[in-house]
Amino acid sequence: MLELILYILASYLLGSIPFSVIVGYAFVGVDIRKHGSGNAGATNVFRVAGPIAAVVATLLDVGKGALPVLVARYFFPESAWLQVASGFAAVVGHVFPIFAGFRGGKGINTLLGMFIVLLPIEVGVCLFVFGIIFALTRIVSAGSIVAGVSLSLIVLIEKYLMGKNVPPLLLSACIGVSLMVLFTHRANIRRLTKGEERKLTH
């Protein structure tokens, strides 16, 4: 049991690596948390450091969500809960990084990496939903919120309307994702309701 707890802790520490902040320094020599929206995420990297830097930050953030799940699946195949727990630990690390004063990003890309491994088809649908919302609004947060909530709806439909065997743990994880997305985007939701959320036009 101790090794599993240590693995979850290691996943949190991996998630705590502030790749967006590091990429911001590497590309333009600034702390992105002091520029743009002030958020330590790939969208703000795009605003502050440009598209190439944003792609690098995105891939790194997705990777730190996927890697703990993949490693858990390989070394602890009998522990399905560990795959979920380690993925969420990485997400918590991204949102509250110990290496960056607990000031992290919204966790969307790290969640994406986690669920690319766990539910690749459903994530594909969520990405499609994100693309539609972003194309219509040019607002990343709007796409992220709708896509994050869609994950729960998709899995609930699969389980209760299509009769798919969805383990309770995975269903709970999806609902947890939707709630986490709403929580981390609460300021964005307030701005969206007031029509004040910034569009991505850089």
Protein backbone atom coordinates (compact mmCIF):
# COMPACT_ATOMS: atom_id res chain seq x y z
CA MET A 1 0.00 0.00 0.00
CA LEU A 2 2.86 2.37 0.81
CA GLU A 3 4.25 2.08 -2.72
CA LEU A 4 0.86 3.05 -4.15
CA ILE A 5 0.67 6.12 -1.92
CA LEU A 6 4.20 7.08 -2.95
CA TYR A 7 3.23 6.65 -6.59
CA ILE A 8 0.27 8.99 -6.17
CA LEU A 9 2.57 11.51 -4.49
CA ALA A 10 5.02 11.19 -7.37
CA SER A 11 2.17 11.81 -9.81
CA TYR A 12 1.28 14.99 -7.92
CA LEU A 13 4.90 16.15 -8.08
CA LEU A 14 5.00 15.47 -11.82
CA GLY A 15 1.81 17.47 -12.24
CA SER A 16 3.35 20.27 -10.20
CA ILE A 17 6.07 20.93 -12.78
CA PRO A 18 4.92 24.33 -14.15
CA PHE A 19 5.63 23.67 -17.80
CA SER A 20 3.72 26.74 -18.98
CA VAL A 21 5.78 28.97 -16.70
CA ILE A 22 9.00 27.27 -17.82
CA VAL A 23 8.04 27.59 -21.49
CA GLY A 24 7.21 31.27 -20.96
CA TYR A 25 10.66 31.90 -19.56
CA ALA A 26 12.31 29.81 -22.29
CA PHE A 27 10.58 31.56 -25.19
CA VAL A 28 10.19 35.18 -24.08
CA GLY A 29 11.98 35.40 -20.74
CA VAL A 30 8.94 36.37 -18.64
CA ASP A 31 6.71 34.86 -15.98
CA ILE A 32 3.42 34.42 -17.85
CA ARG A 33 1.57 34.71 -14.54
CA LYS A 34 2.47 38.41 -14.60
CA HIS A 35 1.24 38.96 -18.15
CA GLY A 36 -1.87 38.35 -20.21
CA SER A 37 -4.63 36.77 -18.15
CA GLY A 38 -2.18 35.85 -15.38
CA ASN A 39 -3.08 32.18 -15.69
CA ALA A 40 -0.31 29.57 -15.79
CA GLY A 41 -1.78 27.64 -18.69
CA ALA A 42 -1.26 27.06 -22.39
CA THR A 43 -3.88 29.61 -23.46
CA ASN A 44 -2.00 32.38 -21.68
CA VAL A 45 1.26 31.06 -23.13
CA PHE A 46 -0.33 31.59 -26.54
CA ARG A 47 -1.20 35.19 -25.66
CA VAL A 48 2.19 36.00 -24.17
CA ALA A 49 4.69 33.85 -26.08
CA GLY A 50 2.94 32.85 -29.30
CA PRO A 51 1.59 29.69 -30.93
CA ILE A 52 4.75 27.57 -31.01
CA ALA A 53 5.33 28.06 -27.29
CA ALA A 54 1.66 27.26 -26.66
CA VAL A 55 1.91 23.98 -28.58
CA VAL A 56 4.98 22.99 -26.56
CA ALA A 57 3.25 23.85 -23.28
CA THR A 58 0.11 21.98 -24.33
CA LEU A 59 1.98 18.81 -25.23
CA LEU A 60 3.92 18.86 -21.98
CA ASP A 61 0.79 19.41 -19.90
CA VAL A 62 -1.08 16.66 -21.74
CA GLY A 63 1.89 14.36 -21.26
CA LYS A 64 2.06 14.85 -17.51
CA GLY A 65 -1.58 13.80 -17.30
CA ALA A 66 -1.19 10.75 -19.51
CA LEU A 67 2.13 9.42 -18.17
CA PRO A 68 1.04 8.55 -14.60
CA VAL A 69 -1.99 6.66 -15.94
CA LEU A 70 0.07 4.75 -18.49
CA VAL A 71 2.73 3.81 -15.94
CA ALA A 72 0.08 2.75 -13.40
CA ARG A 73 -1.62 0.61 -16.04
CA TYR A 74 1.68 -1.08 -16.90
CA PHE A 75 3.09 -1.69 -13.42
CA PHE A 76 -0.15 -2.03 -11.44
CA PRO A 77 -2.65 -3.50 -13.95
CA GLU A 78 -4.84 -4.88 -11.17
CA SER A 79 -5.33 -1.44 -9.58
CA ALA A 80 -7.84 0.39 -11.76
CA TRP A 81 -8.37 2.92 -9.00
CA LEU A 82 -4.67 3.80 -9.09
CA GLN A 83 -4.91 4.84 -12.73
CA VAL A 84 -7.68 7.26 -11.85
CA ALA A 85 -6.06 8.44 -8.61
CA SER A 86 -2.65 9.05 -10.18
CA GLY A 87 -4.20 10.97 -13.06
CA PHE A 88 -6.17 13.17 -10.70
CA ALA A 89 -3.06 13.66 -8.56
CA ALA A 90 -1.26 15.04 -11.61
CA VAL A 91 -4.21 17.35 -12.30
CA VAL A 92 -4.23 18.60 -8.70
CA GLY A 93 -0.49 19.18 -9.05
CA HIS A 94 -1.09 21.27 -12.16
CA VAL A 95 -3.79 23.37 -10.49
CA PHE A 96 -1.97 23.68 -7.14
CA PRO A 97 1.74 23.17 -7.98
CA ILE A 98 4.07 22.94 -5.03
CA PHE A 99 6.94 24.08 -7.29
CA ALA A 100 5.18 27.31 -8.28
CA GLY A 101 3.67 28.64 -5.08
CA PHE A 102 0.46 26.65 -5.60
CA ARG A 103 -0.49 29.01 -8.46
CA GLY A 104 -1.17 26.80 -11.43
CA GLY A 105 -3.41 26.54 -14.47
CA LYS A 106 -6.96 25.31 -14.94
CA GLY A 107 -5.91 21.68 -15.50
CA ILE A 108 -7.76 21.10 -18.78
CA ASN A 109 -4.79 19.82 -20.77
CA THR A 110 -3.64 17.59 -17.92
CA LEU A 111 -7.17 16.20 -17.61
CA LEU A 112 -7.12 15.67 -21.36
CA GLY A 113 -3.95 13.60 -21.09
CA MET A 114 -5.42 11.52 -18.27
CA PHE A 115 -8.62 10.71 -20.13
CA ILE A 116 -6.98 10.16 -23.51
CA VAL A 117 -5.67 7.00 -21.85
CA LEU A 118 -8.81 6.11 -19.90
CA LEU A 119 -11.57 7.02 -22.40
CA PRO A 120 -10.05 7.82 -25.80
CA ILE A 121 -13.29 7.69 -27.82
CA GLU A 122 -15.25 9.80 -25.38
CA VAL A 123 -12.41 12.33 -25.23
CA GLY A 124 -12.49 12.51 -29.02
CA VAL A 125 -16.15 13.50 -28.84
CA CYS A 126 -15.34 16.12 -26.18
CA LEU A 127 -12.59 17.58 -28.38
CA PHE A 128 -15.11 17.81 -31.22
CA VAL A 129 -17.50 19.65 -28.90
CA PHE A 130 -14.68 21.97 -27.82
CA GLY A 131 -13.87 22.69 -31.45
CA ILE A 132 -17.46 23.64 -32.26
CA ILE A 133 -17.84 25.93 -29.25
CA PHE A 134 -14.46 27.58 -29.84
CA ALA A 135 -15.19 28.08 -33.54
CA LEU A 136 -18.47 29.80 -32.66
CA THR A 137 -17.17 31.95 -29.80
CA ARG A 138 -13.36 32.16 -30.11
CA ILE A 139 -13.36 31.77 -26.31
CA VAL A 140 -11.19 28.91 -25.02
CA SER A 141 -12.79 28.81 -21.57
CA ALA A 142 -16.27 28.41 -23.07
CA GLY A 143 -15.13 25.42 -25.11
CA SER A 144 -13.31 23.94 -22.13
CA ILE A 145 -16.31 24.26 -19.82
CA VAL A 146 -18.78 22.73 -22.28
CA ALA A 147 -16.37 19.94 -23.23
CA GLY A 148 -15.62 19.16 -19.57
CA VAL A 149 -19.31 18.91 -18.68
CA SER A 150 -19.93 16.89 -21.86
CA LEU A 151 -17.66 14.11 -20.65
CA SER A 152 -20.05 13.25 -17.81
CA LEU A 153 -23.08 13.50 -20.09
CA ILE A 154 -21.52 11.22 -22.69
CA VAL A 155 -20.62 8.54 -20.15
CA LEU A 156 -24.03 8.77 -18.46
CA ILE A 157 -25.73 8.31 -21.85
CA GLU A 158 -23.50 5.34 -22.62
CA LYS A 159 -24.28 3.71 -19.29
CA TYR A 160 -27.99 4.37 -18.84
CA LEU A 161 -29.31 4.76 -22.39
CA MET A 162 -26.94 2.57 -24.39
CA GLY A 163 -26.36 -0.12 -21.75
CA LYS A 164 -22.58 0.14 -21.85
CA ASN A 165 -20.71 -1.34 -18.90
CA VAL A 166 -19.11 1.70 -17.31
CA PRO A 167 -17.39 0.92 -13.99
CA PRO A 168 -18.70 3.06 -11.11
CA LEU A 169 -15.18 4.31 -10.43
CA LEU A 170 -14.81 5.63 -13.96
CA LEU A 171 -18.26 7.20 -13.92
CA SER A 172 -17.45 8.92 -10.64
CA ALA A 173 -14.16 10.13 -12.12
CA CYS A 174 -15.98 11.67 -15.09
CA ILE A 175 -18.45 13.45 -12.82
CA GLY A 176 -15.49 14.62 -10.75
CA VAL A 177 -13.88 16.02 -13.89
CA SER A 178 -16.97 18.03 -14.77
CA LEU A 179 -17.19 19.43 -11.25
CA MET A 180 -13.47 20.25 -11.25
CA VAL A 181 -13.77 22.06 -14.59
CA LEU A 182 -16.64 24.14 -13.24
CA PHE A 183 -14.67 24.91 -10.07
CA THR A 184 -11.44 25.92 -11.78
CA HIS A 185 -13.36 28.02 -14.32
CA ARG A 186 -15.64 29.76 -11.82
CA ALA A 187 -14.08 33.17 -12.55
CA ASN A 188 -14.40 32.53 -16.29
CA ILE A 189 -18.07 31.60 -15.84
CA ARG A 190 -18.70 34.90 -14.06
CA ARG A 191 -17.02 36.80 -16.90
CA LEU A 192 -18.93 34.80 -19.51
CA THR A 193 -22.26 35.66 -17.91
CA LYS A 194 -21.28 39.34 -17.99
CA GLY A 195 -19.95 39.17 -21.56
CA GLU A 196 -16.47 40.11 -20.37
CA GLU A 197 -14.48 36.97 -21.19
CA ARG A 198 -11.58 37.57 -23.58
CA LYS A 199 -11.56 36.00 -27.03
CA LEU A 200 -8.44 34.35 -28.40
CA THR A 201 -7.56 36.51 -31.36
CA HIS A 202 -3.73 36.73 -31.09
